PDB file of all heavy atoms in Angstrom:
ATOM      1  N   ASP A   1     -10.349 -12.346   9.599  1.00  0.00           N
ATOM      2  CA  ASP A   1     -11.755 -12.076   9.271  1.00  0.00           C
ATOM      3  C   ASP A   1     -12.515 -11.462  10.455  1.00  0.00           C
ATOM      4  O   ASP A   1     -13.470 -10.611  10.245  1.00  0.00           O
ATOM      5  CB  ASP A   1     -12.509 -13.400   8.906  1.00  0.00           C
ATOM      6  CG  ASP A   1     -11.983 -13.810   7.507  1.00  0.00           C
ATOM      7  OD1 ASP A   1     -11.547 -12.994   6.719  1.00  0.00           O
ATOM      8  OD2 ASP A   1     -12.114 -15.084   7.206  1.00  0.00           O
ATOM      9  N   ASP A   2     -12.289 -11.870  11.753  1.00  0.00           N
ATOM     10  CA  ASP A   2     -12.962 -11.374  12.847  1.00  0.00           C
ATOM     11  C   ASP A   2     -12.256 -10.177  13.562  1.00  0.00           C
ATOM     12  O   ASP A   2     -12.688  -9.767  14.658  1.00  0.00           O
ATOM     13  CB  ASP A   2     -13.081 -12.509  13.938  1.00  0.00           C
ATOM     14  CG  ASP A   2     -11.739 -13.024  14.399  1.00  0.00           C
ATOM     15  OD1 ASP A   2     -10.733 -12.836  13.666  1.00  0.00           O
ATOM     16  OD2 ASP A   2     -11.638 -13.679  15.425  1.00  0.00           O
ATOM     17  N   VAL A   3     -11.405  -9.530  12.893  1.00  0.00           N
ATOM     18  CA  VAL A   3     -10.778  -8.264  13.363  1.00  0.00           C
ATOM     19  C   VAL A   3     -10.986  -7.156  12.433  1.00  0.00           C
ATOM     20  O   VAL A   3     -10.855  -7.397  11.243  1.00  0.00           O
ATOM     21  CB  VAL A   3      -9.191  -8.482  13.627  1.00  0.00           C
ATOM     22  CG1 VAL A   3      -8.636  -7.103  14.096  1.00  0.00           C
ATOM     23  CG2 VAL A   3      -8.957  -9.585  14.650  1.00  0.00           C
ATOM     24  N   ASN A   4     -11.491  -6.081  12.808  1.00  0.00           N
ATOM     25  CA  ASN A   4     -11.882  -4.998  11.974  1.00  0.00           C
ATOM     26  C   ASN A   4     -10.798  -4.185  11.416  1.00  0.00           C
ATOM     27  O   ASN A   4     -11.091  -3.037  10.809  1.00  0.00           O
ATOM     28  CB  ASN A   4     -12.886  -4.107  12.749  1.00  0.00           C
ATOM     29  CG  ASN A   4     -13.802  -3.402  11.665  1.00  0.00           C
ATOM     30  OD1 ASN A   4     -14.151  -3.907  10.701  1.00  0.00           O
ATOM     31  ND2 ASN A   4     -14.157  -2.085  12.062  1.00  0.00           N
ATOM     32  N   ILE A   5      -9.585  -4.494  11.496  1.00  0.00           N
ATOM     33  CA  ILE A   5      -8.464  -3.812  10.850  1.00  0.00           C
ATOM     34  C   ILE A   5      -7.551  -4.767  10.024  1.00  0.00           C
ATOM     35  O   ILE A   5      -7.530  -5.958  10.337  1.00  0.00           O
ATOM     36  CB  ILE A   5      -7.584  -3.039  11.913  1.00  0.00           C
ATOM     37  CG1 ILE A   5      -6.761  -4.002  12.741  1.00  0.00           C
ATOM     38  CG2 ILE A   5      -8.523  -2.095  12.743  1.00  0.00           C
ATOM     39  CD1 ILE A   5      -5.751  -3.291  13.556  1.00  0.00           C
ATOM     40  N   ALA A   6      -6.875  -4.218   9.055  1.00  0.00           N
ATOM     41  CA  ALA A   6      -5.917  -4.935   8.353  1.00  0.00           C
ATOM     42  C   ALA A   6      -4.675  -4.087   8.398  1.00  0.00           C
ATOM     43  O   ALA A   6      -4.694  -2.836   8.375  1.00  0.00           O
ATOM     44  CB  ALA A   6      -6.402  -5.221   6.887  1.00  0.00           C
ATOM     45  N   VAL A   7      -3.483  -4.732   8.384  1.00  0.00           N
ATOM     46  CA  VAL A   7      -2.216  -3.959   8.509  1.00  0.00           C
ATOM     47  C   VAL A   7      -1.299  -4.312   7.390  1.00  0.00           C
ATOM     48  O   VAL A   7      -0.982  -5.538   7.135  1.00  0.00           O
ATOM     49  CB  VAL A   7      -1.572  -4.361   9.838  1.00  0.00           C
ATOM     50  CG1 VAL A   7      -0.245  -3.625   9.961  1.00  0.00           C
ATOM     51  CG2 VAL A   7      -2.500  -4.004  10.980  1.00  0.00           C
ATOM     52  N   ILE A   8      -0.851  -3.400   6.651  1.00  0.00           N
ATOM     53  CA  ILE A   8       0.218  -3.565   5.682  1.00  0.00           C
ATOM     54  C   ILE A   8       1.530  -3.521   6.411  1.00  0.00           C
ATOM     55  O   ILE A   8       1.772  -2.524   7.216  1.00  0.00           O
ATOM     56  CB  ILE A   8       0.159  -2.545   4.524  1.00  0.00           C
ATOM     57  CG1 ILE A   8      -0.992  -2.872   3.610  1.00  0.00           C
ATOM     58  CG2 ILE A   8       1.447  -2.537   3.752  1.00  0.00           C
ATOM     59  CD1 ILE A   8      -1.250  -1.784   2.518  1.00  0.00           C
ATOM     60  N   GLN A   9       2.452  -4.363   6.104  1.00  0.00           N
ATOM     61  CA  GLN A   9       3.862  -4.299   6.783  1.00  0.00           C
ATOM     62  C   GLN A   9       4.871  -4.033   5.584  1.00  0.00           C
ATOM     63  O   GLN A   9       4.919  -4.910   4.718  1.00  0.00           O
ATOM     64  CB  GLN A   9       4.194  -5.475   7.545  1.00  0.00           C
ATOM     65  CG  GLN A   9       5.589  -5.441   8.221  1.00  0.00           C
ATOM     66  CD  GLN A   9       5.744  -4.242   9.144  1.00  0.00           C
ATOM     67  OE1 GLN A   9       5.783  -3.093   8.751  1.00  0.00           O
ATOM     68  NE2 GLN A   9       5.905  -4.559  10.451  1.00  0.00           N
ATOM     69  N   GLN A  10       5.545  -2.938   5.623  1.00  0.00           N
ATOM     70  CA  GLN A  10       6.606  -2.676   4.640  1.00  0.00           C
ATOM     71  C   GLN A  10       7.956  -2.750   5.314  1.00  0.00           C
ATOM     72  O   GLN A  10       8.252  -2.070   6.300  1.00  0.00           O
ATOM     73  CB  GLN A  10       6.380  -1.276   4.068  1.00  0.00           C
ATOM     74  CG  GLN A  10       7.336  -0.865   2.977  1.00  0.00           C
ATOM     75  CD  GLN A  10       7.120   0.536   2.402  1.00  0.00           C
ATOM     76  OE1 GLN A  10       6.129   1.113   2.634  1.00  0.00           O
ATOM     77  NE2 GLN A  10       8.134   1.057   1.659  1.00  0.00           N
ATOM     78  N   ARG A  11       8.777  -3.595   4.834  1.00  0.00           N
ATOM     79  CA  ARG A  11      10.045  -3.795   5.458  1.00  0.00           C
ATOM     80  C   ARG A  11      11.257  -3.208   4.769  1.00  0.00           C
ATOM     81  O   ARG A  11      12.413  -3.391   5.260  1.00  0.00           O
ATOM     82  CB  ARG A  11      10.304  -5.298   5.579  1.00  0.00           C
ATOM     83  CG  ARG A  11       9.259  -5.969   6.491  1.00  0.00           C
ATOM     84  CD  ARG A  11       9.530  -7.487   6.725  1.00  0.00           C
ATOM     85  NE  ARG A  11       8.645  -7.967   7.668  1.00  0.00           N
ATOM     86  CZ  ARG A  11       7.480  -8.511   7.428  1.00  0.00           C
ATOM     87  NH1 ARG A  11       6.998  -8.491   6.158  1.00  0.00           N
ATOM     88  NH2 ARG A  11       6.660  -9.002   8.302  1.00  0.00           N
ATOM     89  N   SER A  12      11.049  -2.552   3.651  1.00  0.00           N
ATOM     90  CA  SER A  12      12.103  -1.872   2.948  1.00  0.00           C
ATOM     91  C   SER A  12      11.644  -0.686   2.255  1.00  0.00           C
ATOM     92  O   SER A  12      10.434  -0.626   1.876  1.00  0.00           O
ATOM     93  CB  SER A  12      12.925  -2.724   1.995  1.00  0.00           C
ATOM     94  OG  SER A  12      12.089  -3.143   0.894  1.00  0.00           O
ATOM     95  N   PRO A  13      12.485   0.460   2.122  1.00  0.00           N
ATOM     96  CA  PRO A  13      11.967   1.653   1.476  1.00  0.00           C
ATOM     97  C   PRO A  13      11.948   1.539  -0.033  1.00  0.00           C
ATOM     98  O   PRO A  13      12.401   0.592  -0.660  1.00  0.00           O
ATOM     99  CB  PRO A  13      13.071   2.680   1.872  1.00  0.00           C
ATOM    100  CG  PRO A  13      14.295   1.848   2.029  1.00  0.00           C
ATOM    101  CD  PRO A  13      13.861   0.470   2.528  1.00  0.00           C
ATOM    102  N   ALA A  14      11.167   2.524  -0.598  1.00  0.00           N
ATOM    103  CA  ALA A  14      11.044   2.564  -2.075  1.00  0.00           C
ATOM    104  C   ALA A  14      12.388   2.909  -2.708  1.00  0.00           C
ATOM    105  O   ALA A  14      13.090   3.771  -2.166  1.00  0.00           O
ATOM    106  CB  ALA A  14       9.895   3.453  -2.496  1.00  0.00           C
ATOM    107  N   LEU A  15      12.582   2.419  -3.871  1.00  0.00           N
ATOM    108  CA  LEU A  15      13.783   2.848  -4.684  1.00  0.00           C
ATOM    109  C   LEU A  15      13.633   4.301  -5.074  1.00  0.00           C
ATOM    110  O   LEU A  15      12.488   4.654  -5.365  1.00  0.00           O
ATOM    111  CB  LEU A  15      13.930   1.909  -5.883  1.00  0.00           C
ATOM    112  CG  LEU A  15      14.230   0.411  -5.618  1.00  0.00           C
ATOM    113  CD1 LEU A  15      14.022  -0.297  -6.851  1.00  0.00           C
ATOM    114  CD2 LEU A  15      15.645   0.253  -5.108  1.00  0.00           C
ATOM    115  N   LYS A  16      14.723   4.982  -5.092  1.00  0.00           N
ATOM    116  CA  LYS A  16      14.696   6.419  -5.452  1.00  0.00           C
ATOM    117  C   LYS A  16      13.972   6.692  -6.728  1.00  0.00           C
ATOM    118  O   LYS A  16      13.159   7.666  -6.837  1.00  0.00           O
ATOM    119  CB  LYS A  16      16.050   7.079  -5.437  1.00  0.00           C
ATOM    120  CG  LYS A  16      16.143   8.505  -5.600  1.00  0.00           C
ATOM    121  CD  LYS A  16      17.557   8.995  -5.519  1.00  0.00           C
ATOM    122  CE  LYS A  16      17.568  10.573  -5.675  1.00  0.00           C
ATOM    123  NZ  LYS A  16      19.038  11.080  -5.585  1.00  0.00           N
ATOM    124  N   SER A  17      14.210   5.829  -7.723  1.00  0.00           N
ATOM    125  CA  SER A  17      13.715   6.122  -9.056  1.00  0.00           C
ATOM    126  C   SER A  17      12.233   5.620  -9.142  1.00  0.00           C
ATOM    127  O   SER A  17      11.556   5.807 -10.179  1.00  0.00           O
ATOM    128  CB  SER A  17      14.516   5.449 -10.083  1.00  0.00           C
ATOM    129  OG  SER A  17      14.593   3.970  -9.849  1.00  0.00           O
ATOM    130  N   SER A  18      11.705   4.919  -8.130  1.00  0.00           N
ATOM    131  CA  SER A  18      10.336   4.396  -8.317  1.00  0.00           C
ATOM    132  C   SER A  18       9.422   4.757  -7.124  1.00  0.00           C
ATOM    133  O   SER A  18       8.385   4.153  -6.923  1.00  0.00           O
ATOM    134  CB  SER A  18      10.493   2.758  -8.171  1.00  0.00           C
ATOM    135  OG  SER A  18      11.391   2.310  -9.087  1.00  0.00           O
ATOM    136  N   LYS A  19       9.750   5.948  -6.540  1.00  0.00           N
ATOM    137  CA  LYS A  19       8.872   6.431  -5.394  1.00  0.00           C
ATOM    138  C   LYS A  19       7.458   6.629  -5.788  1.00  0.00           C
ATOM    139  O   LYS A  19       6.499   6.217  -5.193  1.00  0.00           O
ATOM    140  CB  LYS A  19       9.565   7.616  -4.714  1.00  0.00           C
ATOM    141  CG  LYS A  19      10.725   7.383  -3.984  1.00  0.00           C
ATOM    142  CD  LYS A  19      11.324   8.672  -3.307  1.00  0.00           C
ATOM    143  CE  LYS A  19      12.659   8.324  -2.574  1.00  0.00           C
ATOM    144  NZ  LYS A  19      13.168   9.601  -1.958  1.00  0.00           N
ATOM    145  N   GLN A  20       7.299   7.434  -6.863  1.00  0.00           N
ATOM    146  CA  GLN A  20       5.929   7.870  -7.269  1.00  0.00           C
ATOM    147  C   GLN A  20       5.202   6.629  -7.875  1.00  0.00           C
ATOM    148  O   GLN A  20       4.033   6.539  -7.679  1.00  0.00           O
ATOM    149  CB  GLN A  20       6.005   8.954  -8.338  1.00  0.00           C
ATOM    150  CG  GLN A  20       4.624   9.599  -8.618  1.00  0.00           C
ATOM    151  CD  GLN A  20       4.021  10.130  -7.298  1.00  0.00           C
ATOM    152  OE1 GLN A  20       4.683  10.918  -6.519  1.00  0.00           O
ATOM    153  NE2 GLN A  20       2.783   9.874  -6.990  1.00  0.00           N
ATOM    154  N   ASP A  21       5.876   5.710  -8.562  1.00  0.00           N
ATOM    155  CA  ASP A  21       5.253   4.564  -9.082  1.00  0.00           C
ATOM    156  C   ASP A  21       4.742   3.662  -7.896  1.00  0.00           C
ATOM    157  O   ASP A  21       3.649   3.160  -7.967  1.00  0.00           O
ATOM    158  CB  ASP A  21       6.306   3.711  -9.822  1.00  0.00           C
ATOM    159  CG  ASP A  21       6.636   4.315 -11.206  1.00  0.00           C
ATOM    160  OD1 ASP A  21       5.866   5.184 -11.669  1.00  0.00           O
ATOM    161  OD2 ASP A  21       7.664   3.943 -11.750  1.00  0.00           O
ATOM    162  N   PHE A  22       5.513   3.602  -6.832  1.00  0.00           N
ATOM    163  CA  PHE A  22       5.075   2.885  -5.702  1.00  0.00           C
ATOM    164  C   PHE A  22       3.800   3.488  -5.020  1.00  0.00           C
ATOM    165  O   PHE A  22       2.850   2.852  -4.695  1.00  0.00           O
ATOM    166  CB  PHE A  22       6.190   2.742  -4.653  1.00  0.00           C
ATOM    167  CG  PHE A  22       5.798   2.190  -3.406  1.00  0.00           C
ATOM    168  CD1 PHE A  22       5.356   0.842  -3.218  1.00  0.00           C
ATOM    169  CD2 PHE A  22       5.824   2.979  -2.210  1.00  0.00           C
ATOM    170  CE1 PHE A  22       4.937   0.302  -2.006  1.00  0.00           C
ATOM    171  CE2 PHE A  22       5.350   2.541  -1.003  1.00  0.00           C
ATOM    172  CZ  PHE A  22       4.924   1.159  -0.882  1.00  0.00           C
ATOM    173  N   VAL A  23       3.923   4.831  -4.852  1.00  0.00           N
ATOM    174  CA  VAL A  23       2.849   5.552  -4.248  1.00  0.00           C
ATOM    175  C   VAL A  23       1.517   5.399  -5.107  1.00  0.00           C
ATOM    176  O   VAL A  23       0.402   5.122  -4.581  1.00  0.00           O
ATOM    177  CB  VAL A  23       3.213   7.059  -4.094  1.00  0.00           C
ATOM    178  CG1 VAL A  23       1.928   7.893  -3.692  1.00  0.00           C
ATOM    179  CG2 VAL A  23       4.225   7.248  -3.022  1.00  0.00           C
ATOM    180  N   ASP A  24       1.659   5.504  -6.375  1.00  0.00           N
ATOM    181  CA  ASP A  24       0.486   5.389  -7.252  1.00  0.00           C
ATOM    182  C   ASP A  24      -0.129   3.981  -7.185  1.00  0.00           C
ATOM    183  O   ASP A  24      -1.357   3.846  -7.114  1.00  0.00           O
ATOM    184  CB  ASP A  24       0.884   5.663  -8.740  1.00  0.00           C
ATOM    185  CG  ASP A  24       1.270   7.135  -8.923  1.00  0.00           C
ATOM    186  OD1 ASP A  24       0.833   8.006  -8.071  1.00  0.00           O
ATOM    187  OD2 ASP A  24       1.943   7.434  -9.936  1.00  0.00           O
ATOM    188  N   SER A  25       0.689   2.950  -7.108  1.00  0.00           N
ATOM    189  CA  SER A  25       0.266   1.563  -7.050  1.00  0.00           C
ATOM    190  C   SER A  25      -0.493   1.357  -5.682  1.00  0.00           C
ATOM    191  O   SER A  25      -1.527   0.674  -5.591  1.00  0.00           O
ATOM    192  CB  SER A  25       1.377   0.613  -7.194  1.00  0.00           C
ATOM    193  OG  SER A  25       1.970   0.654  -8.556  1.00  0.00           O
ATOM    194  N   LEU A  26       0.144   1.887  -4.650  1.00  0.00           N
ATOM    195  CA  LEU A  26      -0.372   1.746  -3.262  1.00  0.00           C
ATOM    196  C   LEU A  26      -1.743   2.340  -3.175  1.00  0.00           C
ATOM    197  O   LEU A  26      -2.786   1.758  -2.649  1.00  0.00           O
ATOM    198  CB  LEU A  26       0.605   2.263  -2.262  1.00  0.00           C
ATOM    199  CG  LEU A  26       0.078   2.104  -0.719  1.00  0.00           C
ATOM    200  CD1 LEU A  26      -0.065   0.668  -0.383  1.00  0.00           C
ATOM    201  CD2 LEU A  26       1.080   2.861   0.096  1.00  0.00           C
ATOM    202  N   LEU A  27      -1.828   3.590  -3.600  1.00  0.00           N
ATOM    203  CA  LEU A  27      -3.120   4.276  -3.553  1.00  0.00           C
ATOM    204  C   LEU A  27      -4.193   3.719  -4.408  1.00  0.00           C
ATOM    205  O   LEU A  27      -5.377   3.611  -4.073  1.00  0.00           O
ATOM    206  CB  LEU A  27      -2.922   5.835  -3.924  1.00  0.00           C
ATOM    207  CG  LEU A  27      -2.040   6.603  -3.002  1.00  0.00           C
ATOM    208  CD1 LEU A  27      -1.921   8.041  -3.457  1.00  0.00           C
ATOM    209  CD2 LEU A  27      -2.647   6.580  -1.538  1.00  0.00           C
ATOM    210  N   GLU A  28      -3.859   3.131  -5.551  1.00  0.00           N
ATOM    211  CA  GLU A  28      -4.845   2.422  -6.442  1.00  0.00           C
ATOM    212  C   GLU A  28      -5.324   1.200  -5.696  1.00  0.00           C
ATOM    213  O   GLU A  28      -6.488   0.927  -5.710  1.00  0.00           O
ATOM    214  CB  GLU A  28      -4.187   2.180  -7.732  1.00  0.00           C
ATOM    215  CG  GLU A  28      -5.208   1.451  -8.688  1.00  0.00           C
ATOM    216  CD  GLU A  28      -6.316   2.203  -9.051  1.00  0.00           C
ATOM    217  OE1 GLU A  28      -6.448   3.470  -8.808  1.00  0.00           O
ATOM    218  OE2 GLU A  28      -7.376   1.581  -9.591  1.00  0.00           O
ATOM    219  N   PHE A  29      -4.330   0.516  -5.042  1.00  0.00           N
ATOM    220  CA  PHE A  29      -4.836  -0.688  -4.352  1.00  0.00           C
ATOM    221  C   PHE A  29      -5.771  -0.256  -3.210  1.00  0.00           C
ATOM    222  O   PHE A  29      -6.868  -0.964  -3.065  1.00  0.00           O
ATOM    223  CB  PHE A  29      -3.639  -1.421  -3.756  1.00  0.00           C
ATOM    224  CG  PHE A  29      -4.017  -2.440  -2.733  1.00  0.00           C
ATOM    225  CD1 PHE A  29      -4.567  -3.717  -3.016  1.00  0.00           C
ATOM    226  CD2 PHE A  29      -3.853  -2.106  -1.330  1.00  0.00           C
ATOM    227  CE1 PHE A  29      -4.897  -4.616  -2.080  1.00  0.00           C
ATOM    228  CE2 PHE A  29      -4.285  -3.066  -0.320  1.00  0.00           C
ATOM    229  CZ  PHE A  29      -4.736  -4.362  -0.785  1.00  0.00           C
ATOM    230  N   ILE A  30      -5.439   0.724  -2.467  1.00  0.00           N
ATOM    231  CA  ILE A  30      -6.337   1.173  -1.353  1.00  0.00           C
ATOM    232  C   ILE A  30      -7.708   1.669  -1.920  1.00  0.00           C
ATOM    233  O   ILE A  30      -8.731   1.259  -1.336  1.00  0.00           O
ATOM    234  CB  ILE A  30      -5.628   2.353  -0.644  1.00  0.00           C
ATOM    235  CG1 ILE A  30      -4.346   1.738   0.143  1.00  0.00           C
ATOM    236  CG2 ILE A  30      -6.622   2.862   0.477  1.00  0.00           C
ATOM    237  CD1 ILE A  30      -3.580   2.859   0.755  1.00  0.00           C
ATOM    238  N   ARG A  31      -7.636   2.451  -2.982  1.00  0.00           N
ATOM    239  CA  ARG A  31      -8.928   2.904  -3.625  1.00  0.00           C
ATOM    240  C   ARG A  31      -9.955   1.853  -3.994  1.00  0.00           C
ATOM    241  O   ARG A  31     -11.118   1.960  -3.810  1.00  0.00           O
ATOM    242  CB  ARG A  31      -8.590   3.770  -4.786  1.00  0.00           C
ATOM    243  CG  ARG A  31      -9.808   4.490  -5.337  1.00  0.00           C
ATOM    244  CD  ARG A  31      -9.442   5.235  -6.649  1.00  0.00           C
ATOM    245  NE  ARG A  31      -9.140   4.353  -7.721  1.00  0.00           N
ATOM    246  CZ  ARG A  31     -10.138   3.701  -8.553  1.00  0.00           C
ATOM    247  NH1 ARG A  31     -11.306   3.886  -8.236  1.00  0.00           N
ATOM    248  NH2 ARG A  31      -9.745   2.845  -9.437  1.00  0.00           N
ATOM    249  N   THR A  32      -9.356   0.665  -4.400  1.00  0.00           N
ATOM    250  CA  THR A  32     -10.226  -0.247  -4.961  1.00  0.00           C
ATOM    251  C   THR A  32     -10.440  -1.494  -3.928  1.00  0.00           C
ATOM    252  O   THR A  32     -11.083  -2.481  -4.307  1.00  0.00           O
ATOM    253  CB  THR A  32      -9.579  -0.988  -6.232  1.00  0.00           C
ATOM    254  OG1 THR A  32      -8.269  -1.481  -6.002  1.00  0.00           O
ATOM    255  CG2 THR A  32      -9.538   0.126  -7.347  1.00  0.00           C
ATOM    256  N   SER A  33      -9.851  -1.353  -2.726  1.00  0.00           N
ATOM    257  CA  SER A  33      -9.843  -2.370  -1.792  1.00  0.00           C
ATOM    258  C   SER A  33     -11.158  -2.560  -1.022  1.00  0.00           C
ATOM    259  O   SER A  33     -11.486  -3.604  -0.460  1.00  0.00           O
ATOM    260  CB  SER A  33      -8.725  -2.293  -0.778  1.00  0.00           C
ATOM    261  OG  SER A  33      -9.004  -1.120   0.083  1.00  0.00           O
ATOM    262  N   GLY A  34     -11.956  -1.503  -1.018  1.00  0.00           N
ATOM    263  CA  GLY A  34     -13.162  -1.529  -0.160  1.00  0.00           C
ATOM    264  C   GLY A  34     -12.990  -1.123   1.249  1.00  0.00           C
ATOM    265  O   GLY A  34     -13.886  -1.239   2.082  1.00  0.00           O
ATOM    266  N   ALA A  35     -11.787  -0.684   1.653  1.00  0.00           N
ATOM    267  CA  ALA A  35     -11.463  -0.319   2.926  1.00  0.00           C
ATOM    268  C   ALA A  35     -12.393   0.837   3.419  1.00  0.00           C
ATOM    269  O   ALA A  35     -12.680   1.790   2.671  1.00  0.00           O
ATOM    270  CB  ALA A  35      -9.946   0.129   3.103  1.00  0.00           C
TER     271      ALA A  35
END
């Protein structure tokens, strides 16, 4: 709460068949997060 940044940590790559699904979900989360 007292630090002005938040960090996502991703430890494995996206599956080949799910790359765009992952990107779309990530961007929608960011868009609605209030960052």
